[in-house]
Amino acid sequence: MIVVSGTIRFSPAALETLREKARVVLTETAKEAGCIVYSFGEDFLEPGLVRVYEEWESRAHLDAHVKSPHTVDWNRSADAVGYLARDINVLEIGSVTPLD
């Protein structure tokens, strides 16, 4: 399993302009082969901060996602409004067990 986790920071005004693009990429990505979880969460305490969390069946699925038209469009739109910061990591998970 592949996990993508991190944060993206925009100005609050820039984030507001991206809401519809975010809805599209979230909706379309959920339909992709290999997508287990794909979510963005706006931080309640830090305006403009978006927490990113994704789970993929494999690296190949993630690589295909990055090239998908809706992801390319999202990245172009986010680049156009300007990131203030971006810190996202890819983790390769060897095993998963439930938290008791």
PDB file of N, CA and C in Angstrom:
ATOM      1  N   MET A   1       0.839  -1.172   0.000  1.00  0.00           N
ATOM      2  CA  MET A   1       0.000   0.000   0.000  1.00  0.00           C
ATOM      3  C   MET A   1       0.888   1.240   0.000  1.00  0.00           C
ATOM      4  N   ILE A   2       0.426   2.259  -0.697  1.00  0.00           N
ATOM      5  CA  ILE A   2       1.103   3.549  -0.754  1.00  0.00           C
ATOM      6  C   ILE A   2       0.231   4.571  -0.035  1.00  0.00           C
ATOM      7  N   VAL A   3       0.834   5.355   0.850  1.00  0.00           N
ATOM      8  CA  VAL A   3       0.142   6.447   1.530  1.00  0.00           C
ATOM      9  C   VAL A   3       0.817   7.746   1.136  1.00  0.00           C
ATOM     10  N   VAL A   4       0.008   8.725   0.789  1.00  0.00           N
ATOM     11  CA  VAL A   4       0.484  10.080   0.508  1.00  0.00           C
ATOM     12  C   VAL A   4      -0.092  10.956   1.608  1.00  0.00           C
ATOM     13  N   SER A   5       0.775  11.703   2.280  1.00  0.00           N
ATOM     14  CA  SER A   5       0.324  12.498   3.420  1.00  0.00           C
ATOM     15  C   SER A   5       1.120  13.789   3.489  1.00  0.00           C
ATOM     16  N   GLY A   6       0.429  14.869   3.839  1.00  0.00           N
ATOM     17  CA  GLY A   6       1.135  16.128   3.995  1.00  0.00           C
ATOM     18  C   GLY A   6       0.202  17.312   4.042  1.00  0.00           C
ATOM     19  N   THR A   7       0.775  18.474   3.760  1.00  0.00           N
ATOM     20  CA  THR A   7       0.006  19.714   3.807  1.00  0.00           C
ATOM     21  C   THR A   7       0.334  20.596   2.612  1.00  0.00           C
ATOM     22  N   ILE A   8      -0.658  21.398   2.253  1.00  0.00           N
ATOM     23  CA  ILE A   8      -0.486  22.452   1.257  1.00  0.00           C
ATOM     24  C   ILE A   8      -1.026  23.722   1.898  1.00  0.00           C
ATOM     25  N   ARG A   9      -0.289  24.803   1.769  1.00  0.00           N
ATOM     26  CA  ARG A   9      -0.744  26.076   2.325  1.00  0.00           C
ATOM     27  C   ARG A   9      -0.965  27.073   1.190  1.00  0.00           C
ATOM     28  N   PHE A  10      -2.158  27.676   1.203  1.00  0.00           N
ATOM     29  CA  PHE A  10      -2.539  28.740   0.285  1.00  0.00           C
ATOM     30  C   PHE A  10      -2.956  29.947   1.112  1.00  0.00           C
ATOM     31  N   SER A  11      -3.022  31.103   0.492  1.00  0.00           N
ATOM     32  CA  SER A  11      -3.695  32.203   1.181  1.00  0.00           C
ATOM     33  C   SER A  11      -5.167  31.805   1.269  1.00  0.00           C
ATOM     34  N   PRO A  12      -5.893  32.263   2.289  1.00  0.00           N
ATOM     35  CA  PRO A  12      -7.318  31.922   2.374  1.00  0.00           C
ATOM     36  C   PRO A  12      -8.096  32.328   1.119  1.00  0.00           C
ATOM     37  N   ALA A  13      -7.765  33.463   0.524  1.00  0.00           N
ATOM     38  CA  ALA A  13      -8.460  33.906  -0.697  1.00  0.00           C
ATOM     39  C   ALA A  13      -8.173  32.962  -1.858  1.00  0.00           C
ATOM     40  N   ALA A  14      -6.932  32.525  -1.993  1.00  0.00           N
ATOM     41  CA  ALA A  14      -6.574  31.595  -3.068  1.00  0.00           C
ATOM     42  C   ALA A  14      -7.291  30.265  -2.877  1.00  0.00           C
ATOM     43  N   LEU A  15      -7.349  29.796  -1.644  1.00  0.00           N
ATOM     44  CA  LEU A  15      -8.032  28.533  -1.373  1.00  0.00           C
ATOM     45  C   LEU A  15      -9.506  28.629  -1.759  1.00  0.00           C
ATOM     46  N   GLU A  16     -10.108  29.752  -1.493  1.00  0.00           N
ATOM     47  CA  GLU A  16     -11.519  29.937  -1.849  1.00  0.00           C
ATOM     48  C   GLU A  16     -11.728  29.778  -3.353  1.00  0.00           C
ATOM     49  N   THR A  17     -10.800  30.287  -4.157  1.00  0.00           N
ATOM     50  CA  THR A  17     -10.945  30.182  -5.616  1.00  0.00           C
ATOM     51  C   THR A  17     -10.751  28.752  -6.117  1.00  0.00           C
ATOM     52  N   LEU A  18     -10.137  27.897  -5.310  1.00  0.00           N
ATOM     53  CA  LEU A  18      -9.848  26.518  -5.716  1.00  0.00           C
ATOM     54  C   LEU A  18     -10.909  25.507  -5.298  1.00  0.00           C
ATOM     55  N   ARG A  19     -11.897  25.926  -4.555  1.00  0.00           N
ATOM     56  CA  ARG A  19     -12.864  24.970  -3.994  1.00  0.00           C
ATOM     57  C   ARG A  19     -13.533  24.093  -5.053  1.00  0.00           C
ATOM     58  N   GLU A  20     -13.981  24.673  -6.150  1.00  0.00           N
ATOM     59  CA  GLU A  20     -14.659  23.870  -7.172  1.00  0.00           C
ATOM     60  C   GLU A  20     -13.681  22.903  -7.838  1.00  0.00           C
ATOM     61  N   LYS A  21     -12.463  23.360  -8.111  1.00  0.00           N
ATOM     62  CA  LYS A  21     -11.447  22.463  -8.689  1.00  0.00           C
ATOM     63  C   LYS A  21     -11.151  21.313  -7.728  1.00  0.00           C
ATOM     64  N   ALA A  22     -11.118  21.613  -6.433  1.00  0.00           N
ATOM     65  CA  ALA A  22     -10.875  20.567  -5.435  1.00  0.00           C
ATOM     66  C   ALA A  22     -12.007  19.543  -5.452  1.00  0.00           C
ATOM     67  N   ARG A  23     -13.239  20.013  -5.539  1.00  0.00           N
ATOM     68  CA  ARG A  23     -14.378  19.080  -5.592  1.00  0.00           C
ATOM     69  C   ARG A  23     -14.259  18.145  -6.797  1.00  0.00           C
ATOM     70  N   VAL A  24     -13.857  18.699  -7.930  1.00  0.00           N
ATOM     71  CA  VAL A  24     -13.722  17.886  -9.144  1.00  0.00           C
ATOM     72  C   VAL A  24     -12.630  16.836  -8.972  1.00  0.00           C
ATOM     73  N   VAL A  25     -11.444  17.248  -8.530  1.00  0.00           N
ATOM     74  CA  VAL A  25     -10.347  16.279  -8.409  1.00  0.00           C
ATOM     75  C   VAL A  25     -10.664  15.222  -7.351  1.00  0.00           C
ATOM     76  N   LEU A  26     -11.327  15.608  -6.270  1.00  0.00           N
ATOM     77  CA  LEU A  26     -11.705  14.635  -5.246  1.00  0.00           C
ATOM     78  C   LEU A  26     -12.716  13.624  -5.792  1.00  0.00           C
ATOM     79  N   THR A  27     -13.720  14.109  -6.491  1.00  0.00           N
ATOM     80  CA  THR A  27     -14.764  13.238  -7.043  1.00  0.00           C
ATOM     81  C   THR A  27     -14.211  12.296  -8.101  1.00  0.00           C
ATOM     82  N   GLU A  28     -13.431  12.840  -9.031  1.00  0.00           N
ATOM     83  CA  GLU A  28     -12.903  12.023 -10.130  1.00  0.00           C
ATOM     84  C   GLU A  28     -11.843  11.039  -9.655  1.00  0.00           C
ATOM     85  N   THR A  29     -11.020  11.452  -8.712  1.00  0.00           N
ATOM     86  CA  THR A  29      -9.977  10.556  -8.217  1.00  0.00           C
ATOM     87  C   THR A  29     -10.580   9.362  -7.490  1.00  0.00           C
ATOM     88  N   ALA A  30     -11.669   9.572  -6.777  1.00  0.00           N
ATOM     89  CA  ALA A  30     -12.319   8.467  -6.059  1.00  0.00           C
ATOM     90  C   ALA A  30     -12.762   7.357  -7.007  1.00  0.00           C
ATOM     91  N   LYS A  31     -12.936   7.669  -8.283  1.00  0.00           N
ATOM     92  CA  LYS A  31     -13.353   6.686  -9.287  1.00  0.00           C
ATOM     93  C   LYS A  31     -12.173   5.920  -9.889  1.00  0.00           C
ATOM     94  N   GLU A  32     -10.952   6.359  -9.614  1.00  0.00           N
ATOM     95  CA  GLU A  32      -9.774   5.765 -10.243  1.00  0.00           C
ATOM     96  C   GLU A  32      -9.466   4.368  -9.706  1.00  0.00           C
ATOM     97  N   ALA A  33      -8.966   3.525 -10.595  1.00  0.00           N
ATOM     98  CA  ALA A  33      -8.494   2.200 -10.189  1.00  0.00           C
ATOM     99  C   ALA A  33      -7.375   2.366  -9.169  1.00  0.00           C
ATOM    100  N   GLY A  34      -7.433   1.574  -8.119  1.00  0.00           N
ATOM    101  CA  GLY A  34      -6.370   1.578  -7.121  1.00  0.00           C
ATOM    102  C   GLY A  34      -6.508   2.617  -6.036  1.00  0.00           C
ATOM    103  N   CYS A  35      -7.479   3.522  -6.143  1.00  0.00           N
ATOM    104  CA  CYS A  35      -7.673   4.545  -5.117  1.00  0.00           C
ATOM    105  C   CYS A  35      -8.471   3.953  -3.962  1.00  0.00           C
ATOM    106  N   ILE A  36      -7.886   3.975  -2.787  1.00  0.00           N
ATOM    107  CA  ILE A  36      -8.562   3.495  -1.582  1.00  0.00           C
ATOM    108  C   ILE A  36      -9.160   4.680  -0.831  1.00  0.00           C
ATOM    109  N   VAL A  37      -8.358   5.715  -0.629  1.00  0.00           N
ATOM    110  CA  VAL A  37      -8.787   6.949   0.044  1.00  0.00           C
ATOM    111  C   VAL A  37      -8.119   8.116  -0.658  1.00  0.00           C
ATOM    112  N   TYR A  38      -8.877   9.194  -0.861  1.00  0.00           N
ATOM    113  CA  TYR A  38      -8.308  10.423  -1.421  1.00  0.00           C
ATOM    114  C   TYR A  38      -9.053  11.575  -0.771  1.00  0.00           C
ATOM    115  N   SER A  39      -8.373  12.315   0.090  1.00  0.00           N
ATOM    116  CA  SER A  39      -9.081  13.364   0.820  1.00  0.00           C
ATOM    117  C   SER A  39      -8.206  14.584   1.058  1.00  0.00           C
ATOM    118  N   PHE A  40      -8.882  15.722   1.083  1.00  0.00           N
ATOM    119  CA  PHE A  40      -8.291  16.992   1.488  1.00  0.00           C
ATOM    120  C   PHE A  40      -9.104  17.459   2.692  1.00  0.00           C
ATOM    121  N   GLY A  41      -8.462  18.033   3.673  1.00  0.00           N
ATOM    122  CA  GLY A  41      -9.172  18.598   4.818  1.00  0.00           C
ATOM    123  C   GLY A  41      -8.632  19.972   5.135  1.00  0.00           C
ATOM    124  N   GLU A  42      -9.526  20.946   5.169  1.00  0.00           N
ATOM    125  CA  GLU A  42      -9.113  22.305   5.520  1.00  0.00           C
ATOM    126  C   GLU A  42      -8.963  22.382   7.035  1.00  0.00           C
ATOM    127  N   ASP A  43      -7.844  22.892   7.489  1.00  0.00           N
ATOM    128  CA  ASP A  43      -7.565  22.994   8.914  1.00  0.00           C
ATOM    129  C   ASP A  43      -8.442  24.082   9.540  1.00  0.00           C
ATOM    130  N   PHE A  44      -9.100  23.769  10.642  1.00  0.00           N
ATOM    131  CA  PHE A  44      -9.978  24.736  11.307  1.00  0.00           C
ATOM    132  C   PHE A  44      -9.209  25.824  12.044  1.00  0.00           C
ATOM    133  N   LEU A  45      -7.988  25.544  12.443  1.00  0.00           N
ATOM    134  CA  LEU A  45      -7.218  26.502  13.230  1.00  0.00           C
ATOM    135  C   LEU A  45      -6.266  27.353  12.404  1.00  0.00           C
ATOM    136  N   GLU A  46      -5.929  26.897  11.207  1.00  0.00           N
ATOM    137  CA  GLU A  46      -4.986  27.622  10.358  1.00  0.00           C
ATOM    138  C   GLU A  46      -5.617  27.884   8.994  1.00  0.00           C
ATOM    139  N   PRO A  47      -6.215  29.049   8.798  1.00  0.00           N
ATOM    140  CA  PRO A  47      -6.854  29.357   7.513  1.00  0.00           C
ATOM    141  C   PRO A  47      -5.872  29.202   6.348  1.00  0.00           C
ATOM    142  N   GLY A  48      -6.334  28.535   5.303  1.00  0.00           N
ATOM    143  CA  GLY A  48      -5.515  28.331   4.113  1.00  0.00           C
ATOM    144  C   GLY A  48      -4.693  27.057   4.123  1.00  0.00           C
ATOM    145  N   LEU A  49      -4.672  26.351   5.251  1.00  0.00           N
ATOM    146  CA  LEU A  49      -3.906  25.105   5.349  1.00  0.00           C
ATOM    147  C   LEU A  49      -4.799  23.922   4.978  1.00  0.00           C
ATOM    148  N   VAL A  50      -4.331  23.108   4.037  1.00  0.00           N
ATOM    149  CA  VAL A  50      -5.063  21.932   3.590  1.00  0.00           C
ATOM    150  C   VAL A  50      -4.235  20.697   3.927  1.00  0.00           C
ATOM    151  N   ARG A  51      -4.858  19.759   4.604  1.00  0.00           N
ATOM    152  CA  ARG A  51      -4.198  18.492   4.920  1.00  0.00           C
ATOM    153  C   ARG A  51      -4.581  17.476   3.851  1.00  0.00           C
ATOM    154  N   VAL A  52      -3.584  16.798   3.325  1.00  0.00           N
ATOM    155  CA  VAL A  52      -3.763  15.847   2.227  1.00  0.00           C
ATOM    156  C   VAL A  52      -3.536  14.439   2.766  1.00  0.00           C
ATOM    157  N   TYR A  53      -4.443  13.524   2.411  1.00  0.00           N
ATOM    158  CA  TYR A  53      -4.258  12.122   2.789  1.00  0.00           C
ATOM    159  C   TYR A  53      -4.795  11.238   1.669  1.00  0.00           C
ATOM    160  N   GLU A  54      -3.961  10.305   1.236  1.00  0.00           N
ATOM    161  CA  GLU A  54      -4.336   9.387   0.157  1.00  0.00           C
ATOM    162  C   GLU A  54      -3.841   7.986   0.496  1.00  0.00           C
ATOM    163  N   GLU A  55      -4.589   6.980   0.041  1.00  0.00           N
ATOM    164  CA  GLU A  55      -4.132   5.591   0.095  1.00  0.00           C
ATOM    165  C   GLU A  55      -4.332   4.993  -1.287  1.00  0.00           C
ATOM    166  N   TRP A  56      -3.297   4.308  -1.780  1.00  0.00           N
ATOM    167  CA  TRP A  56      -3.314   3.683  -3.107  1.00  0.00           C
ATOM    168  C   TRP A  56      -2.902   2.229  -2.985  1.00  0.00           C
ATOM    169  N   GLU A  57      -3.466   1.387  -3.836  1.00  0.00           N
ATOM    170  CA  GLU A  57      -3.105  -0.033  -3.838  1.00  0.00           C
ATOM    171  C   GLU A  57      -1.647  -0.248  -4.219  1.00  0.00           C
ATOM    172  N   SER A  58      -1.108   0.604  -5.103  1.00  0.00           N
ATOM    173  CA  SER A  58       0.277   0.430  -5.554  1.00  0.00           C
ATOM    174  C   SER A  58       0.851   1.755  -6.045  1.00  0.00           C
ATOM    175  N   ARG A  59       2.154   1.777  -6.205  1.00  0.00           N
ATOM    176  CA  ARG A  59       2.822   2.955  -6.759  1.00  0.00           C
ATOM    177  C   ARG A  59       2.382   3.185  -8.201  1.00  0.00           C
ATOM    178  N   ALA A  60       2.150   2.120  -8.942  1.00  0.00           N
ATOM    179  CA  ALA A  60       1.686   2.262 -10.330  1.00  0.00           C
ATOM    180  C   ALA A  60       0.346   2.990 -10.385  1.00  0.00           C
ATOM    181  N   HIS A  61      -0.546   2.699  -9.441  1.00  0.00           N
ATOM    182  CA  HIS A  61      -1.831   3.404  -9.397  1.00  0.00           C
ATOM    183  C   HIS A  61      -1.622   4.885  -9.090  1.00  0.00           C
ATOM    184  N   LEU A  62      -0.749   5.191  -8.149  1.00  0.00           N
ATOM    185  CA  LEU A  62      -0.456   6.594  -7.828  1.00  0.00           C
ATOM    186  C   LEU A  62       0.158   7.294  -9.033  1.00  0.00           C
ATOM    187  N   ASP A  63       1.081   6.643  -9.709  1.00  0.00           N
ATOM    188  CA  ASP A  63       1.720   7.242 -10.885  1.00  0.00           C
ATOM    189  C   ASP A  63       0.702   7.541 -11.980  1.00  0.00           C
ATOM    190  N   ALA A  64      -0.260   6.639 -12.180  1.00  0.00           N
ATOM    191  CA  ALA A  64      -1.315   6.879 -13.176  1.00  0.00           C
ATOM    192  C   ALA A  64      -2.187   8.054 -12.747  1.00  0.00           C
ATOM    193  N   HIS A  65      -2.481   8.138 -11.463  1.00  0.00           N
ATOM    194  CA  HIS A  65      -3.286   9.247 -10.932  1.00  0.00           C
ATOM    195  C   HIS A  65      -2.638  10.602 -11.214  1.00  0.00           C
ATOM    196  N   VAL A  66      -1.343  10.689 -10.993  1.00  0.00           N
ATOM    197  CA  VAL A  66      -0.628  11.956 -11.181  1.00  0.00           C
ATOM    198  C   VAL A  66      -0.743  12.447 -12.622  1.00  0.00           C
ATOM    199  N   LYS A  67      -0.897  11.523 -13.567  1.00  0.00           N
ATOM    200  CA  LYS A  67      -0.986  11.879 -14.986  1.00  0.00           C
ATOM    201  C   LYS A  67      -2.423  12.071 -15.469  1.00  0.00           C
ATOM    202  N   SER A  68      -3.405  11.802 -14.617  1.00  0.00           N
ATOM    203  CA  SER A  68      -4.812  11.890 -15.038  1.00  0.00           C
ATOM    204  C   SER A  68      -5.188  13.341 -15.348  1.00  0.00           C
ATOM    205  N   PRO A  69      -6.103  13.556 -16.301  1.00  0.00           N
ATOM    206  CA  PRO A  69      -6.474  14.920 -16.695  1.00  0.00           C
ATOM    207  C   PRO A  69      -6.975  15.786 -15.537  1.00  0.00           C
ATOM    208  N   HIS A  70      -7.776  15.218 -14.641  1.00  0.00           N
ATOM    209  CA  HIS A  70      -8.303  16.028 -13.536  1.00  0.00           C
ATOM    210  C   HIS A  70      -7.208  16.397 -12.536  1.00  0.00           C
ATOM    211  N   THR A  71      -6.214  15.533 -12.367  1.00  0.00           N
ATOM    212  CA  THR A  71      -5.105  15.866 -11.474  1.00  0.00           C
ATOM    213  C   THR A  71      -4.197  16.908 -12.110  1.00  0.00           C
ATOM    214  N   VAL A  72      -3.934  16.769 -13.394  1.00  0.00           N
ATOM    215  CA  VAL A  72      -3.136  17.776 -14.111  1.00  0.00           C
ATOM    216  C   VAL A  72      -3.829  19.133 -14.027  1.00  0.00           C
ATOM    217  N   ASP A  73      -5.151  19.154 -14.219  1.00  0.00           N
ATOM    218  CA  ASP A  73      -5.912  20.405 -14.133  1.00  0.00           C
ATOM    219  C   ASP A  73      -5.847  20.996 -12.725  1.00  0.00           C
ATOM    220  N   TRP A  74      -6.002  20.157 -11.705  1.00  0.00           N
ATOM    221  CA  TRP A  74      -5.907  20.625 -10.316  1.00  0.00           C
ATOM    222  C   TRP A  74      -4.534  21.240 -10.046  1.00  0.00           C
ATOM    223  N   ASN A  75      -3.482  20.550 -10.453  1.00  0.00           N
ATOM    224  CA  ASN A  75      -2.130  21.058 -10.206  1.00  0.00           C
ATOM    225  C   ASN A  75      -1.879  22.376 -10.927  1.00  0.00           C
ATOM    226  N   ARG A  76      -2.360  22.493 -12.149  1.00  0.00           N
ATOM    227  CA  ARG A  76      -2.212  23.762 -12.880  1.00  0.00           C
ATOM    228  C   ARG A  76      -2.956  24.889 -12.172  1.00  0.00           C
ATOM    229  N   SER A  77      -4.157  24.604 -11.713  1.00  0.00           N
ATOM    230  CA  SER A  77      -4.951  25.625 -11.016  1.00  0.00           C
ATOM    231  C   SER A  77      -4.288  26.033  -9.707  1.00  0.00           C
ATOM    232  N   ALA A  78      -3.795  25.056  -8.956  1.00  0.00           N
ATOM    233  CA  ALA A  78      -3.120  25.353  -7.693  1.00  0.00           C
ATOM    234  C   ALA A  78      -1.828  26.124  -7.936  1.00  0.00           C
ATOM    235  N   ASP A  79      -1.093  25.753  -8.975  1.00  0.00           N
ATOM    236  CA  ASP A  79       0.121  26.496  -9.325  1.00  0.00           C
ATOM    237  C   ASP A  79      -0.217  27.940  -9.693  1.00  0.00           C
ATOM    238  N   ALA A  80      -1.329  28.127 -10.404  1.00  0.00           N
ATOM    239  CA  ALA A  80      -1.707  29.463 -10.876  1.00  0.00           C
ATOM    240  C   ALA A  80      -2.033  30.407  -9.722  1.00  0.00           C
ATOM    241  N   VAL A  81      -2.686  29.906  -8.671  1.00  0.00           N
ATOM    242  CA  VAL A  81      -2.999  30.787  -7.535  1.00  0.00           C
ATOM    243  C   VAL A  81      -1.813  30.918  -6.599  1.00  0.00           C
ATOM    244  N   GLY A  82      -0.908  29.970  -6.662  1.00  0.00           N
ATOM    245  CA  GLY A  82       0.326  30.052  -5.887  1.00  0.00           C
ATOM    246  C   GLY A  82       0.259  29.348  -4.541  1.00  0.00           C
ATOM    247  N   TYR A  83       1.119  28.359  -4.383  1.00  0.00           N
ATOM    248  CA  TYR A  83       1.291  27.704  -3.095  1.00  0.00           C
ATOM    249  C   TYR A  83       2.117  28.622  -2.208  1.00  0.00           C
ATOM    250  N   LEU A  84       1.766  28.724  -0.949  1.00  0.00           N
ATOM    251  CA  LEU A  84       2.652  29.387   0.005  1.00  0.00           C
ATOM    252  C   LEU A  84       3.658  28.374   0.547  1.00  0.00           C
ATOM    253  N   ALA A  85       3.216  27.125   0.652  1.00  0.00           N
ATOM    254  CA  ALA A  85       4.097  26.036   1.089  1.00  0.00           C
ATOM    255  C   ALA A  85       3.457  24.723   0.665  1.00  0.00           C
ATOM    256  N   ARG A  86       4.306  23.734   0.466  1.00  0.00           N
ATOM    257  CA  ARG A  86       3.818  22.405   0.087  1.00  0.00           C
ATOM    258  C   ARG A  86       4.769  21.378   0.686  1.00  0.00           C
ATOM    259  N   ASP A  87       4.228  20.486   1.499  1.00  0.00           N
ATOM    260  CA  ASP A  87       5.033  19.458   2.159  1.00  0.00           C
ATOM    261  C   ASP A  87       4.247  18.149   2.115  1.00  0.00           C
ATOM    262  N   ILE A  88       4.498  17.354   1.083  1.00  0.00           N
ATOM    263  CA  ILE A  88       3.755  16.113   0.879  1.00  0.00           C
ATOM    264  C   ILE A  88       4.753  14.974   0.693  1.00  0.00           C
ATOM    265  N   ASN A  89       4.492  13.866   1.366  1.00  0.00           N
ATOM    266  CA  ASN A  89       5.388  12.714   1.323  1.00  0.00           C
ATOM    267  C   ASN A  89       4.658  11.466   0.848  1.00  0.00           C
ATOM    268  N   VAL A  90       5.410  10.575   0.206  1.00  0.00           N
ATOM    269  CA  VAL A  90       4.901   9.271  -0.216  1.00  0.00           C
ATOM    270  C   VAL A  90       5.527   8.227   0.701  1.00  0.00           C
ATOM    271  N   LEU A  91       4.680   7.409   1.311  1.00  0.00           N
ATOM    272  CA  LEU A  91       5.137   6.367   2.219  1.00  0.00           C
ATOM    273  C   LEU A  91       4.756   5.007   1.651  1.00  0.00           C
ATOM    274  N   GLU A  92       5.701   4.088   1.626  1.00  0.00           N
ATOM    275  CA  GLU A  92       5.432   2.720   1.200  1.00  0.00           C
ATOM    276  C   GLU A  92       5.209   1.890   2.460  1.00  0.00           C
ATOM    277  N   ILE A  93       3.994   1.374   2.603  1.00  0.00           N
ATOM    278  CA  ILE A  93       3.591   0.681   3.822  1.00  0.00           C
ATOM    279  C   ILE A  93       3.726  -0.828   3.627  1.00  0.00           C
ATOM    280  N   GLY A  94       4.460  -1.467   4.527  1.00  0.00           N
ATOM    281  CA  GLY A  94       4.672  -2.904   4.433  1.00  0.00           C
ATOM    282  C   GLY A  94       3.565  -3.727   5.054  1.00  0.00           C
ATOM    283  N   SER A  95       2.972  -3.228   6.128  1.00  0.00           N
ATOM    284  CA  SER A  95       1.872  -3.954   6.761  1.00  0.00           C
ATOM    285  C   SER A  95       0.957  -2.963   7.469  1.00  0.00           C
ATOM    286  N   VAL A  96      -0.289  -3.385   7.643  1.00  0.00           N
ATOM    287  CA  VAL A  96      -1.286  -2.553   8.308  1.00  0.00           C
ATOM    288  C   VAL A  96      -2.022  -3.424   9.315  1.00  0.00           C
ATOM    289  N   THR A  97      -2.125  -2.957  10.552  1.00  0.00           N
ATOM    290  CA  THR A  97      -2.901  -3.655  11.575  1.00  0.00           C
ATOM    291  C   THR A  97      -3.833  -2.658  12.248  1.00  0.00           C
ATOM    292  N   PRO A  98      -5.004  -3.101  12.670  1.00  0.00           N
ATOM    293  CA  PRO A  98      -5.941  -2.196  13.330  1.00  0.00           C
ATOM    294  C   PRO A  98      -5.406  -1.717  14.676  1.00  0.00           C
ATOM    295  N   LEU A  99      -5.767  -0.506  15.033  1.00  0.00           N
ATOM    296  CA  LEU A  99      -5.439   0.043  16.347  1.00  0.00           C
ATOM    297  C   LEU A  99      -6.478  -0.469  17.334  1.00  0.00           C
ATOM    298  N   ASP A 100      -6.026  -1.099  18.399  1.00  0.00           N
ATOM    299  CA  ASP A 100      -6.967  -1.628  19.408  1.00  0.00           C
ATOM    300  C   ASP A 100      -7.324  -0.563  20.409  1.00  0.00           C
TER     301      ASP A 100
END
